[in-house]
Amino acid sequence: MWKVFAVKTIYRTSVTGEPFATDESYSNKFDQIEERVFTVKARSFDEAIKRAEAEAEEYADGSHINPYGQDVTQKYTGIAGAYEPFDNVPANIEVYSNTFIVPKSISDDQLADNFQGDEKSNCGEWRKNFLNSEFSGFVI
């Protein structure tokens, strides 16, 4: 049975090359991160992630030149999470997007840890403290 899932994906936009000019807004120390939520039609969470990853690669394809003459490229970081909304929503629409700036030294793995919790910190396990027992059941 087909369902509609909302999937959040994370992208990194980087600037490379030497600028031909600079001004007070110029910096080469940061990357831009985009969180994006869109819907996909799938039969399971795993299929939703696979479809979302394919769409994310396509979304991130391409590059442009910034006002300083540098190459700007976007890549999908491989970070994705899916959920099944409670209400009926249409498939193949973007429902949310946000960008923020991070130091270039932050790796995609560190981003994943920040968004999903790292394995060492047990954040994934701690998330259980915030689940609704109506949907997850009780610990026995």
N, C-alpha and C. Protein backbone atom coordinates (compact mmCIF):
# COMPACT_ATOMS: atom_id res chain seq x y z
N MET A 1 0.85 -1.18 0.00
CA MET A 1 0.00 0.00 0.00
C MET A 1 0.89 1.25 0.00
N TRP A 2 0.60 2.17 -0.87
CA TRP A 2 1.38 3.40 -0.98
C TRP A 2 0.98 4.37 0.12
N LYS A 3 1.98 5.04 0.70
CA LYS A 3 1.77 6.05 1.72
C LYS A 3 2.58 7.28 1.33
N VAL A 4 2.27 8.40 1.93
CA VAL A 4 3.07 9.60 1.73
C VAL A 4 3.91 9.83 2.98
N PHE A 5 5.21 10.00 2.80
CA PHE A 5 6.14 10.25 3.90
C PHE A 5 6.74 11.64 3.73
N ALA A 6 7.00 12.31 4.83
CA ALA A 6 7.78 13.55 4.82
C ALA A 6 9.22 13.16 5.12
N VAL A 7 10.14 13.70 4.35
CA VAL A 7 11.55 13.35 4.52
C VAL A 7 12.37 14.63 4.66
N LYS A 8 13.21 14.66 5.70
CA LYS A 8 14.13 15.78 5.88
C LYS A 8 15.50 15.36 5.37
N THR A 9 16.09 16.19 4.53
CA THR A 9 17.43 15.95 4.00
C THR A 9 18.29 17.17 4.29
N ILE A 10 19.60 16.94 4.39
CA ILE A 10 20.55 18.01 4.73
C ILE A 10 21.56 18.16 3.59
N TYR A 11 21.82 19.41 3.21
CA TYR A 11 22.73 19.73 2.11
C TYR A 11 23.81 20.68 2.60
N ARG A 12 24.99 20.59 1.96
CA ARG A 12 26.10 21.49 2.25
C ARG A 12 26.43 22.26 0.98
N THR A 13 26.47 23.59 1.08
CA THR A 13 26.87 24.44 -0.03
C THR A 13 28.23 25.04 0.30
N SER A 14 29.19 24.83 -0.60
CA SER A 14 30.57 25.27 -0.39
C SER A 14 31.03 26.18 -1.51
N VAL A 15 31.95 27.06 -1.15
CA VAL A 15 32.55 27.98 -2.11
C VAL A 15 34.03 27.62 -2.25
N THR A 16 34.50 27.54 -3.51
CA THR A 16 35.91 27.24 -3.76
C THR A 16 36.47 28.22 -4.78
N GLY A 17 37.77 28.34 -4.77
CA GLY A 17 38.45 29.23 -5.71
C GLY A 17 38.80 30.56 -5.07
N GLU A 18 39.67 31.26 -5.74
CA GLU A 18 40.10 32.58 -5.27
C GLU A 18 39.10 33.65 -5.72
N PRO A 19 38.75 34.58 -4.83
CA PRO A 19 37.85 35.66 -5.24
C PRO A 19 38.59 36.66 -6.14
N PHE A 20 37.87 37.25 -7.06
CA PHE A 20 38.49 38.29 -7.88
C PHE A 20 38.40 39.65 -7.18
N ALA A 21 37.52 39.76 -6.19
CA ALA A 21 37.38 40.96 -5.37
C ALA A 21 36.68 40.56 -4.08
N THR A 22 36.80 41.39 -3.04
CA THR A 22 36.11 41.13 -1.77
C THR A 22 35.52 42.43 -1.25
N ASP A 23 34.60 42.29 -0.29
CA ASP A 23 34.04 43.43 0.42
C ASP A 23 33.83 43.03 1.87
N GLU A 24 33.12 43.85 2.63
CA GLU A 24 32.93 43.58 4.07
C GLU A 24 32.12 42.32 4.34
N SER A 25 31.40 41.82 3.36
CA SER A 25 30.59 40.61 3.54
C SER A 25 31.36 39.33 3.22
N TYR A 26 32.53 39.44 2.67
CA TYR A 26 33.26 38.26 2.21
C TYR A 26 33.88 37.48 3.37
N SER A 27 33.78 36.16 3.28
CA SER A 27 34.47 35.25 4.19
C SER A 27 34.63 33.92 3.49
N ASN A 28 35.76 33.28 3.71
CA ASN A 28 35.97 31.94 3.15
C ASN A 28 36.03 30.88 4.25
N LYS A 29 35.51 31.19 5.41
CA LYS A 29 35.60 30.30 6.57
C LYS A 29 34.36 29.45 6.82
N PHE A 30 33.29 29.67 6.05
CA PHE A 30 32.03 29.02 6.37
C PHE A 30 31.43 28.30 5.17
N ASP A 31 30.60 27.33 5.45
CA ASP A 31 29.73 26.68 4.47
C ASP A 31 28.30 26.98 4.87
N GLN A 32 27.40 26.83 3.93
CA GLN A 32 25.97 26.99 4.23
C GLN A 32 25.33 25.60 4.27
N ILE A 33 24.50 25.37 5.27
CA ILE A 33 23.79 24.11 5.43
C ILE A 33 22.31 24.37 5.19
N GLU A 34 21.67 23.49 4.43
CA GLU A 34 20.24 23.61 4.19
C GLU A 34 19.53 22.37 4.71
N GLU A 35 18.50 22.60 5.51
CA GLU A 35 17.57 21.54 5.89
C GLU A 35 16.38 21.67 4.95
N ARG A 36 15.93 20.55 4.43
CA ARG A 36 14.81 20.59 3.48
C ARG A 36 13.88 19.43 3.80
N VAL A 37 12.59 19.71 3.89
CA VAL A 37 11.58 18.68 4.11
C VAL A 37 10.67 18.65 2.88
N PHE A 38 10.50 17.47 2.32
CA PHE A 38 9.59 17.31 1.19
C PHE A 38 8.89 15.96 1.33
N THR A 39 7.86 15.76 0.53
CA THR A 39 7.08 14.53 0.64
C THR A 39 7.40 13.58 -0.51
N VAL A 40 7.33 12.28 -0.22
CA VAL A 40 7.53 11.24 -1.23
C VAL A 40 6.47 10.16 -1.02
N LYS A 41 6.12 9.51 -2.08
CA LYS A 41 5.21 8.36 -2.03
C LYS A 41 6.05 7.10 -1.98
N ALA A 42 5.75 6.23 -1.01
CA ALA A 42 6.51 4.99 -0.86
C ALA A 42 5.66 3.97 -0.10
N ARG A 43 6.12 2.73 -0.10
CA ARG A 43 5.40 1.66 0.61
C ARG A 43 5.95 1.41 2.01
N SER A 44 7.17 1.97 2.31
CA SER A 44 7.79 1.76 3.62
C SER A 44 8.75 2.90 3.92
N PHE A 45 9.21 2.98 5.17
CA PHE A 45 10.20 3.99 5.54
C PHE A 45 11.47 3.83 4.71
N ASP A 46 11.95 2.58 4.58
CA ASP A 46 13.18 2.34 3.81
C ASP A 46 13.04 2.80 2.37
N GLU A 47 11.91 2.50 1.76
CA GLU A 47 11.69 2.93 0.38
C GLU A 47 11.59 4.46 0.32
N ALA A 48 10.97 5.08 1.31
CA ALA A 48 10.88 6.54 1.35
C ALA A 48 12.27 7.17 1.40
N ILE A 49 13.15 6.60 2.21
CA ILE A 49 14.52 7.12 2.31
C ILE A 49 15.24 6.95 0.97
N LYS A 50 15.12 5.78 0.35
CA LYS A 50 15.78 5.55 -0.95
C LYS A 50 15.29 6.53 -2.00
N ARG A 51 13.98 6.75 -2.06
CA ARG A 51 13.42 7.69 -3.03
C ARG A 51 13.89 9.11 -2.71
N ALA A 52 13.91 9.45 -1.44
CA ALA A 52 14.34 10.79 -1.03
C ALA A 52 15.81 11.02 -1.35
N GLU A 53 16.63 9.99 -1.15
CA GLU A 53 18.06 10.14 -1.45
C GLU A 53 18.28 10.37 -2.93
N ALA A 54 17.53 9.69 -3.77
CA ALA A 54 17.64 9.91 -5.22
C ALA A 54 17.21 11.33 -5.57
N GLU A 55 16.12 11.80 -4.98
CA GLU A 55 15.65 13.15 -5.23
C GLU A 55 16.65 14.17 -4.70
N ALA A 56 17.26 13.88 -3.56
CA ALA A 56 18.22 14.80 -2.94
C ALA A 56 19.46 14.96 -3.82
N GLU A 57 19.93 13.87 -4.39
CA GLU A 57 21.09 13.95 -5.29
C GLU A 57 20.76 14.82 -6.50
N GLU A 58 19.57 14.66 -7.03
CA GLU A 58 19.14 15.47 -8.19
C GLU A 58 19.00 16.94 -7.79
N TYR A 59 18.41 17.21 -6.63
CA TYR A 59 18.22 18.57 -6.13
C TYR A 59 19.56 19.29 -5.97
N ALA A 60 20.56 18.57 -5.48
CA ALA A 60 21.86 19.17 -5.19
C ALA A 60 22.76 19.27 -6.41
N ASP A 61 22.35 18.72 -7.53
CA ASP A 61 23.17 18.74 -8.74
C ASP A 61 23.24 20.15 -9.31
N GLY A 62 24.44 20.56 -9.64
CA GLY A 62 24.59 21.88 -10.26
C GLY A 62 25.53 22.77 -9.48
N SER A 63 25.90 23.87 -10.10
CA SER A 63 26.78 24.83 -9.45
C SER A 63 26.54 26.20 -10.08
N HIS A 64 27.11 27.21 -9.45
CA HIS A 64 27.03 28.56 -10.00
C HIS A 64 28.24 29.36 -9.52
N ILE A 65 28.36 30.56 -10.00
CA ILE A 65 29.44 31.46 -9.61
C ILE A 65 28.86 32.53 -8.68
N ASN A 66 29.57 32.80 -7.58
CA ASN A 66 29.09 33.82 -6.64
C ASN A 66 29.54 35.22 -7.06
N PRO A 67 29.11 36.25 -6.33
CA PRO A 67 29.49 37.62 -6.70
C PRO A 67 30.99 37.90 -6.64
N TYR A 68 31.75 36.99 -6.02
CA TYR A 68 33.20 37.16 -5.92
C TYR A 68 33.94 36.36 -6.99
N GLY A 69 33.18 35.74 -7.90
CA GLY A 69 33.79 34.98 -8.98
C GLY A 69 34.21 33.57 -8.59
N GLN A 70 33.72 33.07 -7.48
CA GLN A 70 34.08 31.74 -6.99
C GLN A 70 33.00 30.72 -7.36
N ASP A 71 33.41 29.47 -7.45
CA ASP A 71 32.48 28.37 -7.72
C ASP A 71 31.70 28.05 -6.45
N VAL A 72 30.40 27.90 -6.59
CA VAL A 72 29.52 27.52 -5.49
C VAL A 72 28.88 26.19 -5.87
N THR A 73 29.08 25.18 -5.02
CA THR A 73 28.49 23.86 -5.29
C THR A 73 27.71 23.40 -4.06
N GLN A 74 26.68 22.63 -4.34
CA GLN A 74 25.86 22.06 -3.28
C GLN A 74 25.94 20.56 -3.37
N LYS A 75 26.02 19.89 -2.21
CA LYS A 75 25.99 18.43 -2.22
C LYS A 75 25.05 17.93 -1.13
N TYR A 76 24.47 16.79 -1.41
CA TYR A 76 23.64 16.10 -0.42
C TYR A 76 24.58 15.41 0.55
N THR A 77 24.39 15.60 1.84
CA THR A 77 25.31 15.06 2.85
C THR A 77 25.08 13.59 3.17
N GLY A 78 23.98 13.03 2.70
CA GLY A 78 23.65 11.65 3.06
C GLY A 78 22.83 11.56 4.34
N ILE A 79 22.47 12.71 4.91
CA ILE A 79 21.68 12.73 6.13
C ILE A 79 20.20 12.85 5.74
N ALA A 80 19.41 11.85 6.13
CA ALA A 80 17.99 11.86 5.81
C ALA A 80 17.21 11.18 6.92
N GLY A 81 16.03 11.68 7.17
CA GLY A 81 15.12 11.06 8.12
C GLY A 81 13.71 11.16 7.60
N ALA A 82 12.93 10.09 7.77
CA ALA A 82 11.57 10.07 7.24
C ALA A 82 10.57 9.89 8.38
N TYR A 83 9.39 10.43 8.17
CA TYR A 83 8.28 10.16 9.07
C TYR A 83 7.00 10.15 8.27
N GLU A 84 6.01 9.48 8.82
CA GLU A 84 4.71 9.40 8.17
C GLU A 84 3.78 10.39 8.85
N PRO A 85 3.39 11.46 8.16
CA PRO A 85 2.49 12.46 8.77
C PRO A 85 1.14 11.83 9.14
N PHE A 86 0.50 12.40 10.14
CA PHE A 86 -0.79 11.89 10.58
C PHE A 86 -1.90 12.19 9.58
N ASP A 87 -1.84 13.36 8.97
CA ASP A 87 -2.89 13.75 8.04
C ASP A 87 -2.47 13.45 6.62
N ASN A 88 -3.43 13.37 5.75
CA ASN A 88 -3.17 13.13 4.34
C ASN A 88 -2.49 14.36 3.74
N VAL A 89 -1.34 14.18 3.13
CA VAL A 89 -0.64 15.27 2.46
C VAL A 89 -0.29 14.82 1.05
N PRO A 90 -0.21 15.75 0.12
CA PRO A 90 0.15 15.35 -1.25
C PRO A 90 1.61 14.98 -1.36
N ALA A 91 1.94 14.16 -2.34
CA ALA A 91 3.32 13.75 -2.56
C ALA A 91 4.05 14.74 -3.45
N ASN A 92 5.36 14.69 -3.39
CA ASN A 92 6.26 15.46 -4.26
C ASN A 92 6.13 16.97 -4.12
N ILE A 93 6.03 17.43 -2.87
CA ILE A 93 6.05 18.88 -2.63
C ILE A 93 7.08 19.17 -1.54
N GLU A 94 7.70 20.33 -1.62
CA GLU A 94 8.59 20.78 -0.56
C GLU A 94 7.74 21.49 0.47
N VAL A 95 7.88 21.10 1.73
CA VAL A 95 7.05 21.71 2.77
C VAL A 95 7.84 22.59 3.72
N TYR A 96 9.18 22.52 3.67
CA TYR A 96 10.00 23.33 4.57
C TYR A 96 11.42 23.35 4.06
N SER A 97 12.08 24.49 4.21
CA SER A 97 13.49 24.62 3.89
C SER A 97 14.08 25.69 4.78
N ASN A 98 15.30 25.47 5.27
CA ASN A 98 15.99 26.42 6.13
C ASN A 98 17.48 26.33 5.83
N THR A 99 18.17 27.44 5.89
CA THR A 99 19.62 27.42 5.73
C THR A 99 20.27 28.08 6.93
N PHE A 100 21.50 27.65 7.23
CA PHE A 100 22.30 28.29 8.27
C PHE A 100 23.77 28.12 7.93
N ILE A 101 24.61 28.89 8.57
CA ILE A 101 26.02 28.94 8.27
C ILE A 101 26.80 28.19 9.35
N VAL A 102 27.77 27.36 8.92
CA VAL A 102 28.63 26.63 9.85
C VAL A 102 30.08 26.80 9.42
N PRO A 103 31.01 26.66 10.36
CA PRO A 103 32.43 26.70 9.97
C PRO A 103 32.74 25.58 8.99
N LYS A 104 33.63 25.85 8.04
CA LYS A 104 34.02 24.84 7.05
C LYS A 104 34.59 23.59 7.72
N SER A 105 35.13 23.75 8.92
CA SER A 105 35.77 22.63 9.61
C SER A 105 34.77 21.59 10.12
N ILE A 106 33.47 21.91 10.14
CA ILE A 106 32.45 20.96 10.58
C ILE A 106 32.24 19.92 9.47
N SER A 107 32.47 18.66 9.78
CA SER A 107 32.31 17.59 8.78
C SER A 107 30.85 17.18 8.66
N ASP A 108 30.53 16.46 7.58
CA ASP A 108 29.17 15.94 7.42
C ASP A 108 28.83 14.97 8.55
N ASP A 109 29.81 14.19 9.02
CA ASP A 109 29.56 13.28 10.14
C ASP A 109 29.20 14.07 11.41
N GLN A 110 29.88 15.20 11.64
CA GLN A 110 29.54 16.03 12.79
C GLN A 110 28.15 16.62 12.64
N LEU A 111 27.78 17.00 11.41
CA LEU A 111 26.42 17.49 11.17
C LEU A 111 25.41 16.41 11.52
N ALA A 112 25.67 15.20 11.06
CA ALA A 112 24.76 14.08 11.35
C ALA A 112 24.63 13.89 12.85
N ASP A 113 25.76 13.96 13.57
CA ASP A 113 25.71 13.82 15.02
C ASP A 113 24.86 14.92 15.65
N ASN A 114 24.99 16.15 15.14
CA ASN A 114 24.21 17.26 15.68
C ASN A 114 22.72 17.10 15.40
N PHE A 115 22.37 16.59 14.20
CA PHE A 115 20.97 16.46 13.82
C PHE A 115 20.33 15.18 14.35
N GLN A 116 21.12 14.11 14.46
CA GLN A 116 20.54 12.82 14.79
C GLN A 116 21.08 12.22 16.08
N GLY A 117 22.09 12.81 16.67
CA GLY A 117 22.71 12.27 17.87
C GLY A 117 23.80 11.29 17.51
N ASP A 118 24.96 11.39 18.17
CA ASP A 118 26.03 10.47 17.85
C ASP A 118 25.90 9.18 18.65
N GLU A 119 26.54 8.13 18.15
CA GLU A 119 26.41 6.81 18.78
C GLU A 119 27.00 6.80 20.18
N LYS A 120 28.07 7.56 20.41
CA LYS A 120 28.74 7.57 21.71
C LYS A 120 27.87 8.21 22.79
N SER A 121 27.06 9.19 22.41
CA SER A 121 26.29 9.93 23.40
C SER A 121 24.96 9.27 23.76
N ASN A 122 24.59 8.22 23.03
CA ASN A 122 23.31 7.54 23.26
C ASN A 122 22.11 8.44 23.01
N CYS A 123 22.29 9.52 22.23
CA CYS A 123 21.17 10.43 21.96
C CYS A 123 20.01 9.69 21.30
N GLY A 124 20.34 8.76 20.40
CA GLY A 124 19.28 8.00 19.74
C GLY A 124 18.43 7.24 20.75
N GLU A 125 19.10 6.67 21.75
CA GLU A 125 18.37 5.96 22.79
C GLU A 125 17.60 6.94 23.68
N TRP A 126 18.17 8.09 23.94
CA TRP A 126 17.50 9.08 24.80
C TRP A 126 16.24 9.62 24.16
N ARG A 127 16.17 9.58 22.83
CA ARG A 127 14.98 10.08 22.16
C ARG A 127 13.73 9.33 22.62
N LYS A 128 13.92 8.12 23.07
CA LYS A 128 12.80 7.31 23.54
C LYS A 128 12.06 8.02 24.67
N ASN A 129 12.76 8.83 25.45
CA ASN A 129 12.14 9.57 26.55
C ASN A 129 11.06 10.53 26.08
N PHE A 130 11.06 10.87 24.81
CA PHE A 130 10.16 11.89 24.29
C PHE A 130 9.08 11.33 23.37
N LEU A 131 9.07 10.02 23.17
CA LEU A 131 8.07 9.40 22.30
C LEU A 131 6.71 9.37 22.99
N ASN A 132 5.65 9.31 22.21
CA ASN A 132 4.29 9.19 22.72
C ASN A 132 3.98 7.70 22.84
N SER A 133 3.67 7.24 24.01
CA SER A 133 3.41 5.81 24.23
C SER A 133 2.21 5.32 23.45
N GLU A 134 1.30 6.21 23.04
CA GLU A 134 0.16 5.81 22.22
C GLU A 134 0.65 5.17 20.92
N PHE A 135 1.80 5.64 20.45
CA PHE A 135 2.31 5.17 19.18
C PHE A 135 3.50 4.21 19.32
N SER A 136 4.27 4.35 20.39
CA SER A 136 5.46 3.51 20.54
C SER A 136 5.28 2.36 21.51
N GLY A 137 4.22 2.41 22.30
CA GLY A 137 4.02 1.37 23.31
C GLY A 137 4.77 1.72 24.59
N PHE A 138 4.64 0.84 25.59
CA PHE A 138 5.30 1.04 26.86
C PHE A 138 6.49 0.12 27.00
N VAL A 139 7.45 0.53 27.83
CA VAL A 139 8.58 -0.32 28.16
C VAL A 139 8.11 -1.32 29.22
N ILE A 140 8.40 -2.57 28.97
CA ILE A 140 7.96 -3.60 29.93
C ILE A 140 9.15 -4.23 30.59
